[in-house]
């Protein structure tokens, strides 16, 4: 049985689909890099809008990113203020502490800013900044570093695509998971309900963690370094596989176009 030849509008539709598929296969990295750039860039637009009086659009960005990030005021970057960040007093940093800057701010009235309880958690999430601190980026420091790392890795991959192998599982774990895991988990276990204010098994976990890491708060630079490594590791793991798959897709689309007597 011979296969019926597609003609007319059906042929045009098939050709258009093949061209679209080829275009995506050729430009997939550019598309992903652009989307990541927008995704990590919008949080920096929020303080720009806020300081220029566009509170509605700024609050919309804070709200949208609040679904994917904790946005703690003491773990975020700031723009237009005295410092670029305000870590907690327990963090080993040369920057002035978060507590010293917000102790008298009306937003934190009646809240103990030295204890990371539920009241401080909710207040720190909703605090966007003031004229002294400046206004916070809508992504925390670690999230900025993660997606910034993915963007940088994507740009570099564009220069070496086809010549780099994906990370092995253990390389991915050692480069991306272990550094951020040690930093993030040890910080988590040093705070309620895992620290000395916790209860039951949580207290035991907190005591075990403190025995190894001490009572600690990570620093902006350490969050940035570990987050950046995690972002790079994710791109390094995934992009070579995506490139290989897109190469096969491109070749199939070009073969179909060639059969139709069209050049690419």
Protein backbone atom coordinates (compact mmCIF):
# COMPACT_ATOMS: atom_id res chain seq x y z
CA UNK A 1 0.00 0.00 0.00
CA UNK A 2 1.50 3.36 -1.01
CA UNK A 3 1.44 6.22 1.40
CA UNK A 4 -0.79 9.09 0.29
CA UNK A 5 1.16 12.26 -0.38
CA UNK A 6 0.18 15.28 1.69
CA UNK A 7 -0.71 18.32 -0.41
CA UNK A 8 -2.26 21.75 -0.10
CA UNK A 9 -2.81 23.33 3.28
CA UNK A 10 -1.93 20.08 5.05
CA UNK A 11 1.51 20.11 3.43
CA UNK A 12 1.99 23.75 4.43
CA UNK A 13 0.99 22.94 8.03
CA UNK A 14 3.44 20.04 8.21
CA UNK A 15 6.24 22.17 6.78
CA UNK A 16 5.49 24.98 9.24
CA UNK A 17 5.51 22.49 12.13
CA UNK A 18 8.85 21.05 11.00
CA UNK A 19 10.35 24.51 10.71
CA UNK A 20 9.06 25.44 14.15
CA UNK A 21 10.46 22.25 15.68
CA UNK A 22 13.82 22.85 14.01
CA UNK A 23 13.85 26.45 15.21
CA UNK A 24 13.23 25.40 18.81
CA UNK A 25 15.87 22.67 18.56
CA UNK A 26 18.44 25.18 17.26
CA UNK A 27 17.58 28.01 19.68
CA UNK A 28 16.56 26.11 22.83
CA UNK A 29 19.51 27.40 24.84
CA UNK A 30 18.83 31.02 23.89
CA UNK A 31 15.18 30.59 24.93
CA UNK A 32 16.08 29.03 28.29
CA UNK A 33 18.74 31.66 29.00
CA UNK A 34 16.26 34.43 28.22
CA UNK A 35 13.60 32.90 30.49
CA UNK A 36 16.10 32.44 33.34
CA UNK A 37 17.31 36.03 32.87
CA UNK A 38 13.76 37.33 33.17
CA UNK A 39 13.02 35.07 36.13
CA UNK A 40 16.07 36.16 38.12
CA UNK A 41 15.87 39.75 36.91
CA UNK A 42 12.29 40.60 37.92
CA UNK A 43 13.07 40.38 41.67
CA UNK A 44 15.62 43.21 41.16
CA UNK A 45 12.97 45.26 39.39
CA UNK A 46 10.75 45.23 42.50
CA UNK A 47 12.92 47.62 44.61
CA UNK A 48 13.49 49.83 41.55
CA UNK A 49 9.73 50.18 41.11
CA UNK A 50 9.18 50.67 44.84
CA UNK A 51 11.69 53.47 45.24
CA UNK A 52 10.20 55.25 42.23
CA UNK A 53 6.67 55.11 43.62
CA UNK A 54 5.24 52.26 41.58
CA UNK A 55 4.08 50.33 44.64
CA UNK A 56 1.39 48.32 42.85
CA UNK A 57 3.67 46.60 40.30
CA UNK A 58 6.39 46.22 42.94
CA UNK A 59 4.02 44.52 45.38
CA UNK A 60 2.79 42.26 42.58
CA UNK A 61 6.36 41.03 42.05
CA UNK A 62 6.92 40.51 45.78
CA UNK A 63 3.65 38.59 46.03
CA UNK A 64 4.34 36.41 42.99
CA UNK A 65 7.83 35.45 44.13
CA UNK A 66 6.59 34.95 47.68
CA UNK A 67 5.08 31.66 46.51
CA UNK A 68 8.52 30.25 45.63
CA UNK A 69 10.83 32.02 48.11
CA UNK A 70 10.70 32.81 51.84
CA UNK A 71 11.94 36.40 51.20
CA UNK A 72 13.28 36.77 54.76
CA UNK A 73 14.48 40.34 55.20
CA UNK A 74 17.69 39.17 56.91
CA UNK A 75 18.56 36.75 54.08
CA UNK A 76 17.92 39.01 51.10
CA UNK A 77 19.87 41.58 49.08
CA UNK A 78 18.96 45.28 49.23
CA UNK A 79 19.11 48.22 46.86
CA UNK A 80 19.18 51.98 47.59
CA UNK A 81 20.12 51.54 51.27
CA UNK A 82 23.04 51.78 53.66
CA UNK A 83 24.13 48.20 52.96
CA UNK A 84 23.57 45.47 50.38
CA UNK A 85 22.44 43.02 53.10
CA UNK A 86 21.50 42.89 56.79
CA UNK A 87 22.45 39.52 58.30
CA UNK A 88 21.37 38.49 61.78
CA UNK A 89 23.69 39.25 64.69
CA UNK A 90 24.71 35.61 65.05
CA UNK A 91 26.07 35.56 61.48
CA UNK A 92 29.86 36.11 61.25
CA UNK A 93 29.78 39.23 59.07
CA UNK A 94 31.31 42.71 58.95
CA UNK A 95 27.96 44.14 57.94
CA UNK A 96 25.75 45.87 60.50
CA UNK A 97 23.12 43.47 61.82
CA UNK A 98 19.49 43.17 60.85
CA UNK A 99 18.49 43.59 64.51
CA UNK A 100 20.29 46.94 64.83
CA UNK A 101 18.52 48.33 61.76
CA UNK A 102 14.93 47.22 62.37
CA UNK A 103 14.61 47.22 66.16
CA UNK A 104 12.78 50.59 66.04
CA UNK A 105 10.99 50.08 62.73
CA UNK A 106 7.18 50.21 63.16
CA UNK A 107 6.85 47.11 60.99
CA UNK A 108 8.47 45.08 63.79
CA UNK A 109 6.71 46.77 66.72
CA UNK A 110 6.10 44.30 69.55
CA UNK A 111 8.24 41.60 67.90
CA UNK A 112 11.42 40.15 69.36
CA UNK A 113 13.77 40.56 66.39
CA UNK A 114 16.47 38.49 68.11
CA UNK A 115 14.45 35.26 68.13
CA UNK A 116 13.38 33.54 64.92
CA UNK A 117 9.84 32.75 66.04
CA UNK A 118 6.67 32.76 63.95
CA UNK A 119 6.05 36.47 64.56
CA UNK A 120 9.47 37.41 63.20
CA UNK A 121 9.14 34.99 60.29
CA UNK A 122 5.91 36.58 59.06
CA UNK A 123 7.16 40.12 59.66
CA UNK A 124 10.48 39.45 57.90
CA UNK A 125 8.66 38.04 54.86
CA UNK A 126 6.38 41.06 54.48
CA UNK A 127 9.06 43.69 55.19
CA UNK A 128 10.13 45.31 51.91
CA UNK A 129 12.50 47.86 53.41
CA UNK A 130 12.71 51.51 54.42
CA UNK A 131 14.76 54.60 53.61
CA UNK A 132 17.69 53.38 55.75
CA UNK A 133 17.88 49.72 54.81
CA UNK A 134 16.85 50.33 51.23
CA UNK A 135 14.43 47.91 49.57
CA UNK A 136 14.93 44.19 49.34
CA UNK A 137 15.19 42.12 46.21
CA UNK A 138 12.16 39.83 45.87
CA UNK A 139 14.39 36.74 45.88
CA UNK A 140 16.53 35.62 48.82
CA UNK A 141 20.32 35.58 48.45
CA UNK A 142 20.51 31.84 47.84
CA UNK A 143 17.78 31.85 45.17
CA UNK A 144 19.45 34.75 43.36
CA UNK A 145 22.68 32.73 43.36
CA UNK A 146 21.01 29.50 42.20
CA UNK A 147 19.30 31.02 39.17
CA UNK A 148 22.24 33.33 38.54
CA UNK A 149 24.43 30.23 38.45
CA UNK A 150 22.07 28.58 35.97
CA UNK A 151 22.20 31.70 33.77
CA UNK A 152 26.00 31.95 33.87
CA UNK A 153 26.35 28.23 33.17
CA UNK A 154 23.92 28.57 30.28
CA UNK A 155 25.90 31.42 28.73
CA UNK A 156 29.16 29.50 29.10
CA UNK A 157 27.54 26.35 27.71
CA UNK A 158 26.70 28.30 24.57
CA UNK A 159 30.44 28.64 23.95
CA UNK A 160 31.33 24.99 24.58
CA UNK A 161 28.16 23.13 23.53
CA UNK A 162 28.93 19.81 21.94
CA UNK A 163 32.31 19.65 23.70
CA UNK A 164 31.29 19.15 27.34
CA UNK A 165 30.02 16.02 29.04
CA UNK A 166 27.30 16.06 31.71
CA UNK A 167 28.25 15.64 35.34
CA UNK A 168 28.08 12.16 36.77
CA UNK A 169 25.70 11.57 39.65
CA UNK A 170 28.46 11.75 42.26
CA UNK A 171 30.04 14.82 40.70
CA UNK A 172 26.64 16.50 40.86
CA UNK A 173 26.21 15.53 44.50
CA UNK A 174 29.69 16.74 45.52
CA UNK A 175 29.53 20.00 43.57
CA UNK A 176 25.90 20.99 43.95
CA UNK A 177 24.21 19.14 46.80
CA UNK A 178 26.83 18.76 49.53
CA UNK A 179 27.99 22.41 49.92
CA UNK A 180 24.46 23.86 49.94
CA UNK A 181 23.13 21.00 52.04
CA UNK A 182 25.74 21.49 54.76
CA UNK A 183 25.21 25.24 54.83
CA UNK A 184 21.42 25.17 54.68
CA UNK A 185 20.71 22.19 56.94
CA UNK A 186 23.15 23.24 59.66
CA UNK A 187 21.54 26.69 59.66
CA UNK A 188 18.05 25.17 59.75
CA UNK A 189 18.86 22.95 62.72
CA UNK A 190 20.26 25.91 64.66
CA UNK A 191 16.84 27.63 64.62
CA UNK A 192 13.37 26.82 66.01
CA UNK A 193 11.97 24.27 66.32
CA UNK A 194 15.23 22.35 65.95
CA UNK A 195 17.40 24.35 68.37
CA UNK A 196 17.34 24.45 72.16
CA UNK A 197 13.80 25.93 72.07
CA UNK A 198 12.52 22.89 70.19
CA UNK A 199 11.01 19.73 71.56
CA UNK A 200 11.38 15.95 71.39
CA UNK A 201 13.26 14.56 68.43
CA UNK A 202 13.71 18.09 67.04
CA UNK A 203 15.73 19.06 70.09
CA UNK A 204 17.96 15.99 69.65
CA UNK A 205 18.54 16.85 65.98
CA UNK A 206 19.36 20.42 66.94
CA UNK A 207 21.80 19.32 69.63
CA UNK A 208 23.54 16.91 67.25
CA UNK A 209 23.85 19.63 64.62
CA UNK A 210 25.14 22.17 67.12
CA UNK A 211 27.74 19.66 68.28
CA UNK A 212 29.16 19.60 64.75
CA UNK A 213 28.44 23.08 63.37
CA UNK A 214 27.64 25.12 66.46
CA UNK A 215 24.73 27.56 66.70
CA UNK A 216 25.11 29.32 63.40
CA UNK A 217 23.60 31.60 60.82
CA UNK A 218 24.98 31.51 57.31
CA UNK A 219 26.41 34.64 55.70
CA UNK A 220 25.36 36.36 52.45
CA UNK A 221 28.58 35.32 50.74
CA UNK A 222 28.32 31.69 51.85
CA UNK A 223 24.70 31.47 50.68
CA UNK A 224 25.76 32.98 47.38
CA UNK A 225 28.68 30.59 46.88
CA UNK A 226 26.76 27.42 47.72
CA UNK A 227 23.69 28.52 45.76
CA UNK A 228 25.80 29.41 42.73
CA UNK A 229 27.50 25.99 42.78
CA UNK A 230 24.08 24.32 42.97
CA UNK A 231 22.82 26.33 39.99
CA UNK A 232 25.90 25.59 37.90
CA UNK A 233 25.72 21.88 38.79
CA UNK A 234 22.08 21.67 37.68
CA UNK A 235 22.84 23.24 34.31
CA UNK A 236 25.99 21.16 33.87
CA UNK A 237 23.99 18.01 34.58
CA UNK A 238 21.02 18.80 32.34
CA UNK A 239 22.18 20.92 29.41
CA UNK A 240 24.43 18.36 27.68
CA UNK A 241 21.54 15.87 27.65
CA UNK A 242 19.14 18.50 26.33
CA UNK A 243 21.66 19.46 23.63
CA UNK A 244 21.97 15.84 22.53
CA UNK A 245 18.21 15.42 22.37
CA UNK A 246 17.74 18.70 20.49
CA UNK A 247 20.44 17.72 18.01
CA UNK A 248 18.51 14.56 17.13
CA UNK A 249 15.27 16.54 16.89
CA UNK A 250 16.91 19.11 14.58
CA UNK A 251 18.28 16.41 12.30
CA UNK A 252 14.87 14.73 12.01
CA UNK A 253 13.16 18.02 11.19
CA UNK A 254 15.80 18.88 8.59
CA UNK A 255 15.37 15.45 7.01
CA UNK A 256 11.62 16.02 6.69
CA UNK A 257 12.16 19.44 5.14
CA UNK A 258 14.71 17.99 2.74
CA UNK A 259 12.19 15.37 1.64
CA UNK A 260 9.77 18.18 0.86
CA UNK A 261 12.41 19.72 -1.38
CA UNK A 262 13.08 22.65 0.95
CA UNK A 263 16.42 23.96 2.17
CA UNK A 264 17.16 24.81 5.79
